[in-house]
Amino acid sequence: FRVMSLKNQDKAPLMPGKVSIFVGSSYIGKAALAGMILPREEFEIGFGPDNSIKVSREILDLKTTHKSSSTRTDQTVEIRLVNHGLESRELLLEEPIPVSQDNRIKIKLGDVSPETDKPDALGIIRWNLTLLAAEEKVVRVTYRIEHPRGLQVQGL
């Protein structure tokens, strides 16, 4: 999705509610301002999906191994991004990985390509990417979930 950072350059505040979005004289669509935007205040507004960027996500490998006392699940996710546009694009890609709220369930992050910061507390990995015109990039994440055999784990 496209997100634009703007600054209210009017002397009056922008009131909450629906707004029509134009780029030049081209109508892009509608959005909503959640709160009042004061003069000279910076804010972000969504411009909807960018149809020139194609994103596909595939689970390349999903393997579950049972040992005598534990179960181990290894998963590899591949995200493919293609810029079909004529200009480069700055992208923020977010991919969630599981987060355990039970100390019997261990999550181990494996290979992450391209490298980026560690996941946040909610398990979100983020990449700031530049995708040139007609460029394709591939992101891969591998992780392991290990837990006692017989333990019912939600979300696997």
C-alpha atoms as a PDB file:
ATOM      1  CA  PHE A   1       0.000   0.000   0.000  1.00  0.00           C
ATOM      2  CA  ARG A   2       1.147   3.496  -0.697  1.00  0.00           C
ATOM      3  CA  VAL A   3       1.557   5.825   2.262  1.00  0.00           C
ATOM      4  CA  MET A   4       2.314   9.502   1.834  1.00  0.00           C
ATOM      5  CA  SER A   5       3.863  11.775   4.452  1.00  0.00           C
ATOM      6  CA  LEU A   6       2.370  15.251   4.198  1.00  0.00           C
ATOM      7  CA  LYS A   7       2.391  18.581   6.005  1.00  0.00           C
ATOM      8  CA  ASN A   8      -0.707  20.728   6.482  1.00  0.00           C
ATOM      9  CA  GLN A   9       0.364  23.935   4.775  1.00  0.00           C
ATOM     10  CA  ASP A  10      -2.937  25.733   5.388  1.00  0.00           C
ATOM     11  CA  LYS A  11      -3.470  28.297   8.135  1.00  0.00           C
ATOM     12  CA  ALA A  12      -6.524  26.320   9.263  1.00  0.00           C
ATOM     13  CA  PRO A  13      -6.646  22.802  10.673  1.00  0.00           C
ATOM     14  CA  LEU A  14      -7.804  19.856   8.580  1.00  0.00           C
ATOM     15  CA  MET A  15     -10.843  18.346  10.229  1.00  0.00           C
ATOM     16  CA  PRO A  16     -11.393  14.600  10.728  1.00  0.00           C
ATOM     17  CA  GLY A  17     -13.393  12.824   8.068  1.00  0.00           C
ATOM     18  CA  LYS A  18     -13.268  11.627   4.485  1.00  0.00           C
ATOM     19  CA  VAL A  19     -10.949  13.240   1.951  1.00  0.00           C
ATOM     20  CA  SER A  20     -10.572  12.824  -1.799  1.00  0.00           C
ATOM     21  CA  ILE A  21      -7.009  12.210  -2.980  1.00  0.00           C
ATOM     22  CA  PHE A  22      -5.602  13.623  -6.199  1.00  0.00           C
ATOM     23  CA  VAL A  23      -2.135  13.363  -7.715  1.00  0.00           C
ATOM     24  CA  GLY A  24      -1.967  16.331 -10.024  1.00  0.00           C
ATOM     25  CA  SER A  25      -5.350  16.302 -11.726  1.00  0.00           C
ATOM     26  CA  SER A  26      -5.730  12.504 -11.456  1.00  0.00           C
ATOM     27  CA  TYR A  27      -8.215  11.235  -8.907  1.00  0.00           C
ATOM     28  CA  ILE A  28      -6.623   8.422  -6.858  1.00  0.00           C
ATOM     29  CA  GLY A  29      -9.373   7.618  -4.389  1.00  0.00           C
ATOM     30  CA  LYS A  30     -10.690   8.382  -0.929  1.00  0.00           C
ATOM     31  CA  ALA A  31      -9.167   8.132   2.537  1.00  0.00           C
ATOM     32  CA  ALA A  32     -10.081   9.259   6.024  1.00  0.00           C
ATOM     33  CA  LEU A  33      -8.377  11.539   8.511  1.00  0.00           C
ATOM     34  CA  ALA A  34      -8.787  10.010  11.970  1.00  0.00           C
ATOM     35  CA  GLY A  35      -8.114  13.194  13.881  1.00  0.00           C
ATOM     36  CA  MET A  36      -7.662  16.916  13.409  1.00  0.00           C
ATOM     37  CA  ILE A  37      -4.425  17.958  11.645  1.00  0.00           C
ATOM     38  CA  LEU A  38      -3.108  21.289  12.918  1.00  0.00           C
ATOM     39  CA  PRO A  39      -1.445  23.889  10.663  1.00  0.00           C
ATOM     40  CA  ARG A  40       2.160  22.876   9.827  1.00  0.00           C
ATOM     41  CA  GLU A  41       1.576  19.462  11.417  1.00  0.00           C
ATOM     42  CA  GLU A  42       3.013  16.451   9.574  1.00  0.00           C
ATOM     43  CA  PHE A  43       0.828  13.390   9.047  1.00  0.00           C
ATOM     44  CA  GLU A  44       0.597  10.209   6.989  1.00  0.00           C
ATOM     45  CA  ILE A  45      -2.272   9.148   4.782  1.00  0.00           C
ATOM     46  CA  GLY A  46      -2.819   5.927   2.868  1.00  0.00           C
ATOM     47  CA  PHE A  47      -3.123   6.152  -0.898  1.00  0.00           C
ATOM     48  CA  GLY A  48      -4.329   2.570  -1.382  1.00  0.00           C
ATOM     49  CA  PRO A  49      -2.564  -0.291  -3.112  1.00  0.00           C
ATOM     50  CA  ASP A  50       0.264   0.372  -5.545  1.00  0.00           C
ATOM     51  CA  ASN A  51      -0.731  -1.771  -8.507  1.00  0.00           C
ATOM     52  CA  SER A  52       2.751  -1.543 -10.026  1.00  0.00           C
ATOM     53  CA  ILE A  53       4.190  -3.664  -7.160  1.00  0.00           C
ATOM     54  CA  LYS A  54       3.433  -7.388  -7.169  1.00  0.00           C
ATOM     55  CA  VAL A  55       4.035  -9.333  -3.959  1.00  0.00           C
ATOM     56  CA  SER A  56       3.817 -13.096  -3.664  1.00  0.00           C
ATOM     57  CA  ARG A  57       4.401 -15.166  -0.531  1.00  0.00           C
ATOM     58  CA  GLU A  58       5.070 -18.887  -0.530  1.00  0.00           C
ATOM     59  CA  ILE A  59       5.963 -21.458   2.101  1.00  0.00           C
ATOM     60  CA  LEU A  60       8.927 -23.182   0.479  1.00  0.00           C
ATOM     61  CA  ASP A  61       9.574 -25.770   3.146  1.00  0.00           C
ATOM     62  CA  LEU A  62       7.478 -27.043   6.020  1.00  0.00           C
ATOM     63  CA  LYS A  63       8.843 -30.050   7.838  1.00  0.00           C
ATOM     64  CA  THR A  64       7.679 -31.529  11.130  1.00  0.00           C
ATOM     65  CA  THR A  65       9.917 -34.001  12.974  1.00  0.00           C
ATOM     66  CA  HIS A  66       8.794 -36.029  15.984  1.00  0.00           C
ATOM     67  CA  LYS A  67      11.347 -37.130  18.562  1.00  0.00           C
ATOM     68  CA  SER A  68      10.605 -39.196  21.633  1.00  0.00           C
ATOM     69  CA  SER A  69       9.865 -36.186  23.843  1.00  0.00           C
ATOM     70  CA  SER A  70       9.514 -33.243  21.440  1.00  0.00           C
ATOM     71  CA  THR A  71       8.127 -32.068  18.135  1.00  0.00           C
ATOM     72  CA  ARG A  72      10.106 -29.769  15.864  1.00  0.00           C
ATOM     73  CA  THR A  73       8.666 -27.783  12.952  1.00  0.00           C
ATOM     74  CA  ASP A  74      10.980 -26.037  10.474  1.00  0.00           C
ATOM     75  CA  GLN A  75       9.526 -23.532   8.045  1.00  0.00           C
ATOM     76  CA  THR A  76      10.972 -21.406   5.230  1.00  0.00           C
ATOM     77  CA  VAL A  77       8.942 -18.534   3.796  1.00  0.00           C
ATOM     78  CA  GLU A  78       9.827 -16.776   0.540  1.00  0.00           C
ATOM     79  CA  ILE A  79       8.447 -13.355  -0.381  1.00  0.00           C
ATOM     80  CA  ARG A  80       8.962 -12.205  -3.953  1.00  0.00           C
ATOM     81  CA  LEU A  81       8.558  -8.516  -4.831  1.00  0.00           C
ATOM     82  CA  VAL A  82       8.468  -7.220  -8.405  1.00  0.00           C
ATOM     83  CA  ASN A  83       8.296  -3.571  -9.462  1.00  0.00           C
ATOM     84  CA  HIS A  84       6.353  -3.381 -12.729  1.00  0.00           C
ATOM     85  CA  GLY A  85       6.409   0.419 -12.572  1.00  0.00           C
ATOM     86  CA  LEU A  86       8.599   2.900 -14.386  1.00  0.00           C
ATOM     87  CA  GLU A  87      10.050   4.421 -11.211  1.00  0.00           C
ATOM     88  CA  SER A  88      11.863   3.056  -8.187  1.00  0.00           C
ATOM     89  CA  ARG A  89       9.870   2.499  -5.004  1.00  0.00           C
ATOM     90  CA  GLU A  90      10.800   2.638  -1.323  1.00  0.00           C
ATOM     91  CA  LEU A  91       9.112  -0.262   0.468  1.00  0.00           C
ATOM     92  CA  LEU A  92       8.573  -1.359   4.033  1.00  0.00           C
ATOM     93  CA  LEU A  93       8.072  -5.128   4.118  1.00  0.00           C
ATOM     94  CA  GLU A  94       6.794  -6.742   7.320  1.00  0.00           C
ATOM     95  CA  GLU A  95       6.686 -10.495   7.956  1.00  0.00           C
ATOM     96  CA  PRO A  96       5.413 -12.019  11.210  1.00  0.00           C
ATOM     97  CA  ILE A  97       7.043 -15.018  12.793  1.00  0.00           C
ATOM     98  CA  PRO A  98       5.555 -16.973  15.685  1.00  0.00           C
ATOM     99  CA  VAL A  99       5.990 -15.656  19.218  1.00  0.00           C
ATOM    100  CA  SER A 100       5.690 -18.026  22.154  1.00  0.00           C
ATOM    101  CA  GLN A 101       3.716 -17.100  25.240  1.00  0.00           C
ATOM    102  CA  ASP A 102       4.478 -20.493  26.779  1.00  0.00           C
ATOM    103  CA  ASN A 103       8.010 -21.224  27.999  1.00  0.00           C
ATOM    104  CA  ARG A 104       7.628 -24.829  26.813  1.00  0.00           C
ATOM    105  CA  ILE A 105       7.470 -23.609  23.210  1.00  0.00           C
ATOM    106  CA  LYS A 106      10.810 -22.452  21.801  1.00  0.00           C
ATOM    107  CA  ILE A 107      11.075 -20.333  18.652  1.00  0.00           C
ATOM    108  CA  LYS A 108      14.448 -20.049  16.926  1.00  0.00           C
ATOM    109  CA  LEU A 109      14.959 -17.684  14.022  1.00  0.00           C
ATOM    110  CA  GLY A 110      17.174 -19.187  11.328  1.00  0.00           C
ATOM    111  CA  ASP A 111      18.390 -17.627   8.106  1.00  0.00           C
ATOM    112  CA  VAL A 112      17.014 -14.209   7.181  1.00  0.00           C
ATOM    113  CA  SER A 113      17.888 -12.910   3.735  1.00  0.00           C
ATOM    114  CA  PRO A 114      18.543 -10.094   3.190  1.00  0.00           C
ATOM    115  CA  GLU A 115      19.741  -9.445   6.726  1.00  0.00           C
ATOM    116  CA  THR A 116      17.765  -6.983   8.810  1.00  0.00           C
ATOM    117  CA  ASP A 117      17.048  -6.145  12.443  1.00  0.00           C
ATOM    118  CA  LYS A 118      15.783  -8.832  14.806  1.00  0.00           C
ATOM    119  CA  PRO A 119      12.007  -9.274  15.163  1.00  0.00           C
ATOM    120  CA  ASP A 120      10.229  -6.932  17.541  1.00  0.00           C
ATOM    121  CA  ALA A 121       8.361  -8.131  20.648  1.00  0.00           C
ATOM    122  CA  LEU A 122       5.347  -9.073  18.498  1.00  0.00           C
ATOM    123  CA  GLY A 123       7.511 -11.167  16.146  1.00  0.00           C
ATOM    124  CA  ILE A 124       7.461  -8.715  13.224  1.00  0.00           C
ATOM    125  CA  ILE A 125      10.556  -8.623  11.005  1.00  0.00           C
ATOM    126  CA  ARG A 126      10.909  -5.467   8.911  1.00  0.00           C
ATOM    127  CA  TRP A 127      12.904  -4.661   5.792  1.00  0.00           C
ATOM    128  CA  ASN A 128      13.292  -1.206   4.275  1.00  0.00           C
ATOM    129  CA  LEU A 129      13.850  -1.968   0.606  1.00  0.00           C
ATOM    130  CA  THR A 130      14.397   0.011  -2.556  1.00  0.00           C
ATOM    131  CA  LEU A 131      12.949  -1.665  -5.621  1.00  0.00           C
ATOM    132  CA  LEU A 132      14.169  -0.161  -8.884  1.00  0.00           C
ATOM    133  CA  ALA A 133      11.956  -0.083 -11.983  1.00  0.00           C
ATOM    134  CA  ALA A 134      11.520  -3.629 -13.369  1.00  0.00           C
ATOM    135  CA  GLU A 135      13.526  -5.052 -10.443  1.00  0.00           C
ATOM    136  CA  GLU A 136      12.675  -8.225  -8.549  1.00  0.00           C
ATOM    137  CA  LYS A 137      13.825  -9.005  -4.997  1.00  0.00           C
ATOM    138  CA  VAL A 138      13.416 -12.145  -2.947  1.00  0.00           C
ATOM    139  CA  VAL A 139      13.224 -12.217   0.858  1.00  0.00           C
ATOM    140  CA  ARG A 140      13.548 -15.493   2.781  1.00  0.00           C
ATOM    141  CA  VAL A 141      12.947 -16.295   6.437  1.00  0.00           C
ATOM    142  CA  THR A 142      13.560 -19.628   8.152  1.00  0.00           C
ATOM    143  CA  TYR A 143      12.502 -20.447  11.686  1.00  0.00           C
ATOM    144  CA  ARG A 144      12.071 -23.437  13.980  1.00  0.00           C
ATOM    145  CA  ILE A 145       9.359 -24.159  16.539  1.00  0.00           C
ATOM    146  CA  GLU A 146      10.114 -26.802  19.165  1.00  0.00           C
ATOM    147  CA  HIS A 147       7.726 -27.987  21.870  1.00  0.00           C
ATOM    148  CA  PRO A 148       6.992 -31.048  24.002  1.00  0.00           C
ATOM    149  CA  ARG A 149       5.403 -33.868  22.044  1.00  0.00           C
ATOM    150  CA  GLY A 150       1.651 -33.995  22.606  1.00  0.00           C
ATOM    151  CA  LEU A 151       1.367 -30.298  23.517  1.00  0.00           C
ATOM    152  CA  GLN A 152      -1.408 -28.703  21.465  1.00  0.00           C
ATOM    153  CA  VAL A 153       0.048 -25.606  19.782  1.00  0.00           C
ATOM    154  CA  GLN A 154      -2.339 -23.119  18.171  1.00  0.00           C
ATOM    155  CA  GLY A 155      -1.484 -21.557  14.814  1.00  0.00           C
ATOM    156  CA  LEU A 156       0.785 -24.250  13.357  1.00  0.00           C
END
